[in-house]
Protein backbone atom coordinates (compact mmCIF):
# COMPACT_ATOMS: atom_id res chain seq x y z
CA MET A 1 -119.85 66.88 -41.53
CA LEU A 2 -116.85 67.51 -42.64
CA LEU A 3 -115.50 68.49 -38.91
CA LEU A 4 -116.99 65.36 -37.41
CA TYR A 5 -115.22 62.52 -40.06
CA SER A 6 -111.96 64.68 -40.13
CA ALA A 7 -111.13 62.72 -36.65
CA GLU A 8 -112.99 59.64 -37.93
CA ALA A 9 -110.73 56.21 -38.46
CA ARG A 10 -113.11 55.52 -41.51
CA ALA A 11 -111.90 56.75 -45.13
CA TYR A 12 -114.96 59.36 -45.74
CA ALA A 13 -112.87 62.76 -45.26
CA LEU A 14 -110.08 61.32 -47.55
CA LEU A 15 -112.94 60.37 -49.77
CA SER A 16 -113.99 63.94 -49.49
CA LEU A 17 -110.31 64.96 -50.58
CA THR A 18 -109.70 62.74 -53.47
CA GLY A 19 -113.63 63.62 -54.81
CA VAL A 20 -113.11 67.46 -54.82
CA LEU A 21 -109.59 66.70 -56.43
CA LEU A 22 -110.69 65.01 -58.81
CA PHE A 23 -113.77 67.49 -59.68
CA LEU A 24 -111.42 70.49 -59.75
CA LEU A 25 -108.58 68.40 -62.02
CA ALA A 26 -111.35 66.88 -64.23
CA PHE A 27 -113.35 70.28 -65.18
CA VAL A 28 -111.67 73.43 -63.50
CA LEU A 29 -108.00 73.26 -64.71
CA PRO A 30 -106.91 72.64 -67.98
CA GLU A 31 -106.18 69.04 -69.76
CA ARG A 32 -102.26 69.18 -69.33
CA PRO A 33 -100.06 66.17 -68.91
CA ARG A 34 -99.63 66.17 -65.22
CA ASN A 35 -103.33 67.03 -64.78
CA LEU A 36 -104.44 63.54 -66.36
CA ALA A 37 -102.05 62.10 -64.81
CA ALA A 38 -103.26 63.49 -61.04
CA ILE A 39 -106.85 62.26 -62.57
CA ALA A 40 -105.16 58.63 -63.34
CA LEU A 41 -104.03 58.36 -60.24
CA LEU A 42 -106.72 59.68 -58.30
CA SER A 43 -109.28 57.47 -59.84
CA ALA A 44 -107.42 54.60 -58.78
CA VAL A 45 -106.76 55.77 -54.87
CA SER A 46 -110.34 56.83 -54.43
CA LEU A 47 -111.68 53.28 -55.58
CA TYR A 48 -109.43 51.55 -53.19
CA LEU A 49 -110.51 53.78 -50.32
CA HIS A 50 -114.45 53.29 -50.34
CA TYR A 51 -117.18 51.59 -53.19
CA LEU A 52 -118.80 55.33 -52.99
CA ALA A 53 -116.01 56.32 -55.28
CA LEU A 54 -117.44 53.97 -58.05
CA PHE A 55 -120.61 56.02 -58.31
CA VAL A 56 -117.88 59.37 -58.17
CA VAL A 57 -115.87 58.27 -60.98
CA ALA A 58 -118.80 56.95 -63.13
CA ALA A 59 -120.22 60.60 -63.27
CA LEU A 60 -117.00 62.40 -63.43
CA THR A 61 -116.08 60.45 -66.78
CA THR A 62 -119.97 60.80 -68.43
CA VAL A 63 -120.03 64.59 -67.77
CA ALA A 64 -115.88 65.16 -68.54
CA ALA A 65 -117.25 62.99 -72.02
CA ALA A 66 -120.31 64.83 -72.34
CA GLU A 67 -118.73 68.50 -72.08
CA LYS A 68 -115.69 67.71 -74.51
CA ARG A 69 -113.20 66.70 -72.71
CA PRO A 70 -112.33 63.09 -73.73
CA ARG A 71 -109.09 63.59 -71.89
CA SER A 72 -110.24 63.74 -68.91
CA ALA A 73 -113.09 60.93 -68.71
CA LEU A 74 -109.87 58.70 -70.28
CA ALA A 75 -107.85 59.23 -67.60
CA ALA A 76 -110.63 57.99 -64.99
CA LEU A 77 -111.49 55.30 -66.81
CA GLY A 78 -107.31 54.33 -66.87
CA GLY A 79 -107.16 55.05 -63.21
CA ALA A 80 -110.25 53.10 -62.69
CA ALA A 81 -109.04 49.62 -64.53
CA LEU A 82 -106.44 49.38 -62.00
CA PHE A 83 -109.75 48.37 -59.80
CA LEU A 84 -110.39 45.20 -61.72
CA PHE A 85 -108.36 42.83 -59.46
CA TRP A 86 -110.73 43.83 -56.54
CA VAL A 87 -114.21 43.61 -58.54
CA PRO A 88 -114.72 39.83 -57.74
CA ILE A 89 -113.76 40.25 -53.89
CA MET A 90 -115.99 42.99 -54.05
CA ARG A 91 -118.87 41.41 -55.77
CA ALA A 92 -118.41 37.94 -53.20
CA GLN A 93 -119.04 40.61 -50.15
CA PRO A 94 -122.60 39.17 -48.91
CA ARG A 95 -125.38 41.30 -48.49
CA GLN A 96 -125.96 40.85 -44.70
CA ALA A 97 -122.76 43.12 -44.82
CA VAL A 98 -124.24 46.13 -45.99
CA ALA A 99 -128.46 45.34 -44.08
CA TRP A 100 -127.73 47.40 -41.35
CA MET A 101 -127.65 50.37 -44.17
CA HIS A 102 -131.02 49.81 -45.72
CA GLU A 103 -133.74 52.95 -45.71
CA PRO A 104 -136.31 54.00 -46.77
CA SER A 105 -135.69 56.55 -50.23
CA ALA A 106 -137.58 59.29 -48.63
CA ASP A 107 -135.16 59.13 -45.48
CA PHE A 108 -132.64 58.92 -47.60
CA ALA A 109 -133.10 61.86 -49.68
CA ALA A 110 -134.18 63.84 -46.58
CA GLY A 111 -130.96 62.91 -44.61
CA ILE A 112 -128.81 64.14 -47.59
CA LEU A 113 -130.68 67.63 -47.92
CA SER A 114 -130.10 68.42 -44.69
CA SER A 115 -126.55 67.75 -44.85
CA LEU A 116 -127.03 69.99 -48.20
CA GLY A 117 -128.06 72.55 -46.11
CA GLY A 118 -126.09 72.65 -43.09
CA ALA A 119 -127.02 70.18 -40.66
CA GLY A 120 -127.54 66.57 -41.11
CA ARG A 121 -128.10 63.41 -39.70
CA ILE A 122 -125.17 62.43 -37.43
CA PRO A 123 -124.32 58.98 -36.85
CA PRO A 124 -124.53 57.87 -33.02
CA PRO A 125 -120.62 57.12 -32.67
CA PHE A 126 -120.57 61.08 -32.74
CA GLY A 127 -122.81 62.33 -30.30
CA PRO A 128 -126.34 63.04 -30.24
CA PRO A 129 -128.36 63.64 -33.39
CA LEU A 130 -129.24 67.58 -33.80
CA PRO A 131 -132.56 68.83 -32.83
CA LEU A 132 -134.78 67.61 -35.10
CA ALA A 133 -136.43 71.24 -36.18
CA LEU A 134 -132.26 72.27 -36.83
CA VAL A 135 -132.25 69.12 -39.14
CA ALA A 136 -136.04 70.12 -41.22
CA VAL A 137 -134.47 73.51 -41.36
CA GLY A 138 -131.45 72.56 -42.86
CA GLY A 139 -133.58 69.92 -45.48
CA VAL A 140 -135.24 73.05 -46.45
CA VAL A 141 -132.42 75.40 -47.23
CA GLY A 142 -130.64 72.11 -48.73
CA LEU A 143 -133.96 72.00 -51.05
CA VAL A 144 -134.17 75.43 -51.70
CA LEU A 145 -130.29 75.45 -52.96
CA ALA A 146 -130.87 72.55 -54.95
CA SER A 147 -133.85 73.61 -56.65
CA SER A 148 -131.98 77.27 -57.16
CA LEU A 149 -129.53 75.65 -58.97
CA ALA A 150 -131.80 73.37 -61.43
CA ARG A 151 -132.63 76.89 -62.86
CA SER A 152 -129.69 78.34 -63.20
CA TRP A 153 -126.91 75.48 -64.67
CA ARG A 154 -128.08 77.27 -68.31
CA VAL A 155 -126.28 80.55 -66.64
CA ASP A 156 -122.12 79.00 -66.36
CA PRO A 157 -120.52 76.04 -67.94
CA GLU A 158 -118.71 75.07 -64.57
CA LEU A 159 -121.99 75.19 -62.71
CA ARG A 160 -123.45 73.18 -65.52
CA ARG A 161 -120.62 70.23 -64.84
CA ALA A 162 -121.01 70.20 -61.32
CA SER A 163 -124.82 70.41 -61.46
CA ALA A 164 -124.55 67.86 -63.48
CA PHE A 165 -121.75 65.82 -61.65
CA LEU A 166 -123.82 65.87 -58.44
CA VAL A 167 -127.36 64.98 -59.84
CA LEU A 168 -125.10 61.96 -61.71
CA PHE A 169 -123.71 61.00 -58.33
CA PHE A 170 -126.76 61.11 -56.24
CA GLY A 171 -129.46 59.81 -58.66
CA GLY A 172 -126.64 56.39 -59.39
CA VAL A 173 -126.78 55.45 -55.46
CA LEU A 174 -130.42 56.16 -54.81
CA PHE A 175 -131.14 53.85 -57.94
CA ALA A 176 -127.96 51.71 -56.88
CA SER A 177 -129.85 51.61 -53.69
CA LEU A 178 -132.96 50.01 -55.51
CA ALA A 179 -131.50 46.49 -55.75
CA ARG A 180 -128.82 46.51 -52.75
CA PRO A 181 -128.24 49.27 -49.84
CA ILE A 182 -125.41 51.35 -50.67
CA GLY A 183 -126.76 55.23 -49.61
CA PHE A 184 -127.09 56.48 -46.29
CA GLY A 185 -127.98 60.17 -45.63
CA GLY A 186 -124.64 61.07 -43.06
CA ARG A 187 -122.53 59.04 -44.92
CA THR A 188 -123.24 59.11 -48.93
CA GLU A 189 -122.96 62.68 -49.10
CA MET A 190 -119.41 62.82 -47.77
CA ALA A 191 -117.79 61.93 -51.30
CA VAL A 192 -119.35 65.05 -52.70
CA LEU A 193 -120.11 67.53 -50.37
CA PRO A 194 -116.98 70.03 -50.95
CA VAL A 195 -118.16 69.25 -54.73
CA TRP A 196 -121.45 71.19 -53.03
CA LEU A 197 -120.27 73.38 -50.98
CA TRP A 198 -117.95 75.07 -53.96
CA THR A 199 -120.83 74.82 -56.44
CA VAL A 200 -123.27 76.93 -53.79
CA ALA A 201 -120.45 79.38 -53.36
CA LEU A 202 -119.74 79.53 -57.04
CA ALA A 203 -123.43 80.25 -57.99
CA GLY A 204 -123.46 82.70 -55.04
CA GLU A 205 -121.10 85.31 -56.52
CA ARG A 206 -123.87 85.10 -59.58
CA SER A 207 -127.04 85.66 -57.25
CA ARG A 208 -128.17 87.41 -54.73
CA PHE A 209 -130.59 85.09 -53.66
CA LEU A 210 -127.82 81.87 -53.53
CA ARG A 211 -125.58 83.86 -52.12
CA GLY A 212 -128.58 84.62 -48.70
CA ALA A 213 -129.73 80.59 -49.17
CA THR A 214 -126.14 80.08 -48.94
CA TRP A 215 -125.18 82.39 -45.94
CA SER A 216 -128.31 80.32 -44.52
CA ALA A 217 -126.37 77.16 -44.74
CA VAL A 218 -122.89 78.52 -43.15
CA ALA A 219 -125.17 79.63 -40.08
CA ILE A 220 -126.93 76.52 -40.02
CA ALA A 221 -123.70 74.46 -40.08
CA SER A 222 -122.13 76.64 -37.36
CA VAL A 223 -124.77 75.84 -34.99
CA SER A 224 -125.09 72.16 -35.89
CA THR A 225 -120.72 72.16 -35.37
CA ILE A 226 -121.04 74.70 -32.42
CA LEU A 227 -123.95 71.64 -30.62
CA LEU A 228 -121.66 68.69 -31.51
CA VAL A 229 -118.62 70.17 -29.82
CA VAL A 230 -120.25 70.97 -26.69
CA ALA A 231 -122.46 67.67 -26.65
CA PRO A 232 -121.32 65.42 -23.90
CA ARG A 233 -119.81 62.80 -25.13
CA GLY A 234 -119.30 59.78 -22.53
CA PRO A 235 -118.28 56.36 -22.98
CA SER A 236 -121.58 54.59 -24.26
CA VAL A 237 -123.12 51.06 -22.43
CA ALA A 238 -120.62 48.83 -24.14
CA GLU A 239 -117.72 50.90 -23.35
CA ARG A 240 -118.23 51.19 -19.96
CA THR A 241 -119.39 47.17 -20.14
CA LEU A 242 -115.72 46.38 -21.93
CA GLU A 243 -113.74 48.76 -19.11
CA ALA A 244 -115.36 46.73 -16.52
CA LEU A 245 -114.04 43.64 -17.84
CA GLU A 246 -110.73 44.71 -18.45
CA ARG A 247 -109.91 46.05 -14.51
CA THR A 248 -112.53 42.49 -12.75
CA GLY A 249 -110.98 39.77 -15.91
CA ARG A 250 -108.64 37.51 -14.52
CA PRO A 251 -106.47 34.95 -16.13
CA GLY A 252 -108.85 31.06 -16.67
CA ASP A 253 -112.02 33.62 -17.35
CA VAL A 254 -114.08 32.92 -20.27
CA LEU A 255 -115.82 35.95 -22.35
CA PHE A 256 -118.49 35.23 -24.93
CA ALA A 257 -119.33 38.19 -26.80
CA GLY A 258 -121.78 38.79 -29.44
CA ALA A 259 -122.93 41.14 -32.02
CA SER A 260 -121.07 44.19 -32.51
CA PHE A 261 -119.48 43.70 -28.97
CA TYR A 262 -116.77 40.75 -30.11
CA LEU A 263 -114.66 43.22 -32.43
CA PRO A 264 -113.65 45.32 -29.62
CA ALA A 265 -113.16 42.47 -27.30
CA ARG A 266 -111.74 40.71 -29.57
CA LEU A 267 -108.70 43.66 -30.42
CA ALA A 268 -108.67 44.23 -26.25
CA ALA A 269 -107.91 40.70 -26.18
CA ASP A 270 -105.27 40.98 -28.72
CA ARG A 271 -103.53 44.17 -27.59
CA GLY A 272 -102.86 42.39 -23.93
CA ARG A 273 -105.45 44.39 -22.18
CA LEU A 274 -108.66 41.56 -21.37
CA PRO A 275 -107.06 38.99 -19.61
CA MET A 276 -109.48 36.20 -20.49
CA SER A 277 -110.24 34.21 -23.74
CA VAL A 278 -112.51 35.55 -26.12
CA HIS A 279 -114.61 33.62 -28.48
CA ALA A 280 -117.71 34.65 -30.41
CA PHE A 281 -121.07 33.83 -29.81
CA PRO A 282 -122.66 32.25 -32.27
CA LEU A 283 -119.47 31.40 -33.22
CA GLU A 284 -119.63 32.59 -36.84
CA GLN A 285 -119.42 36.27 -35.44
CA ALA A 286 -115.50 35.54 -35.84
CA SER A 287 -115.84 34.95 -39.24
CA HIS A 288 -117.04 38.78 -40.11
CA PRO A 289 -116.49 40.48 -37.15
CA GLY A 290 -117.15 43.80 -38.63
CA TRP A 291 -120.74 42.74 -39.39
CA THR A 292 -123.51 41.10 -37.72
CA VAL A 293 -127.10 40.12 -38.23
CA SER A 294 -129.49 38.31 -36.11
CA ARG A 295 -130.21 34.80 -35.52
CA ARG A 296 -130.66 32.08 -33.21
CA SER A 297 -127.90 30.26 -31.99
CA ARG A 298 -127.01 26.65 -33.36
CA PRO A 299 -126.25 23.73 -31.93
CA GLU A 300 -122.68 24.30 -31.77
CA ASP A 301 -122.77 27.71 -30.94
CA ASP A 302 -124.71 25.91 -27.54
CA ALA A 303 -121.92 23.05 -27.73
CA ALA A 304 -118.84 25.61 -27.21
CA VAL A 305 -120.32 27.05 -24.19
CA ARG A 306 -120.75 24.01 -22.62
CA ARG A 307 -117.30 23.10 -23.57
CA ALA A 308 -116.35 26.38 -21.49
CA LEU A 309 -118.65 25.81 -18.63
CA ASP A 310 -116.81 22.41 -18.13
CA ARG A 311 -113.67 23.49 -18.56
CA THR A 312 -113.92 25.97 -15.36
CA GLY A 313 -112.45 25.24 -12.21
CA SER A 314 -113.44 25.78 -8.69
CA THR A 315 -112.48 29.69 -9.05
CA GLY A 316 -113.05 30.45 -12.80
CA ARG A 317 -116.15 33.05 -14.54
CA VAL A 318 -117.58 32.65 -17.50
CA PHE A 319 -118.51 36.23 -19.21
CA PHE A 320 -121.16 36.84 -21.22
CA GLU A 321 -121.52 40.41 -23.02
CA VAL A 322 -124.47 40.07 -25.93
CA PRO A 323 -127.80 41.29 -27.12
CA PRO A 324 -130.49 40.56 -24.55
CA SER A 325 -132.43 38.72 -27.35
CA TYR A 326 -129.61 35.88 -26.68
CA ARG A 327 -130.86 35.57 -23.14
CA LYS A 328 -133.64 32.78 -23.40
CA GLU A 329 -130.73 30.87 -25.28
CA LEU A 330 -128.91 31.24 -22.61
CA ARG A 331 -131.04 30.19 -19.47
CA PRO A 332 -131.37 26.80 -20.53
CA LEU A 333 -127.81 26.56 -21.11
CA VAL A 334 -125.97 28.21 -17.96
CA ALA A 335 -128.48 27.50 -15.45
CA PRO A 336 -128.47 24.14 -14.68
CA ARG A 337 -124.23 24.14 -14.24
CA GLY A 338 -123.58 27.08 -11.79
CA VAL A 339 -124.59 30.64 -10.40
CA THR A 340 -125.12 33.44 -13.20
CA ARG A 341 -125.36 36.73 -12.55
CA ARG A 342 -126.64 40.05 -14.50
CA ILE A 343 -123.98 42.48 -13.95
CA VAL A 344 -125.15 44.94 -16.42
CA GLU A 345 -128.12 45.39 -18.57
CA SER A 346 -129.78 47.82 -21.46
CA PRO A 347 -131.20 48.25 -23.96
CA GLU A 348 -128.20 47.70 -26.19
CA VAL A 349 -126.17 45.31 -23.93
CA ILE A 350 -126.45 42.39 -21.44
CA LEU A 351 -123.71 41.10 -19.49
CA LEU A 352 -123.74 37.85 -17.45
CA VAL A 353 -121.48 36.30 -15.38
CA TRP A 354 -121.62 32.35 -14.50
CA SER A 355 -119.83 30.49 -11.98
CA PRO A 356 -119.45 27.03 -11.18
CA LYS A 357 -121.78 26.01 -7.75
């Protein structure tokens, strides 16, 4: 997982880095002024990186206070105070923006355990999923490691602090997910994955059984990494569709793009690669291009399509790159006014082109 996200534009790799640095500063290194200043700075930075850092800082503060490291707890709270300015904006985000993350608690727990055991759920942009048997074995190893740590946490103060930190983080995410979708296996564990690795490595120095289980996780992670590296990574249907539009589009053409296809098309047009005007369908998609919800078109959406068709000259074309579910809504708008051809169709996307009769 760390390998995959190290090349990903989203902030999960940086979140992993700030999380493990905060952990080491708060629980392993001495409470010196410069370390406390670093805790405050990293707490603020991590919160602006990703919302999962809220659970990291909360778990860290709680464990530091319980372990008689009050200055570390106060430093983390001081850094977190700089995030208060962003709280109203975060609270104003609609539920639909994270609706895609909603999943049963059992699936969430299984995905997390598999990651802790070396495999895990692989998000689609990274390639095909791992073999189900490997994911299952990773889940078993993750469960063995977690249960073994639960039995040995009294042996060492460092193990106790790390175990408490991990339990509070995952417990907090799982509890908060009951009210709003937050946790998602394949991403959530990235906030504390380096801390988990540090913890099982430390525990393996004190227990032969844990050392063997840790080596099993290393083997599973190695196999998973090799499978992901050698897996073919051709462009998706949506990417090939956009490439085709970039090659064949010409000035005067119009593109209506919907759902997750709107943002790539918008960016391609803004960068000068897509020589046509781009509109969202439905129009509301333009106000939140980073997420989408399924809904029927409205009268204003249909009116925008009709205007585009009316303004098209004799050689102009109107393209539609939308989910297949919008086909029935578009048919009565375009069929009476010209000729519509299907260029690409898959369960994910349909690309239509309309031209005047």
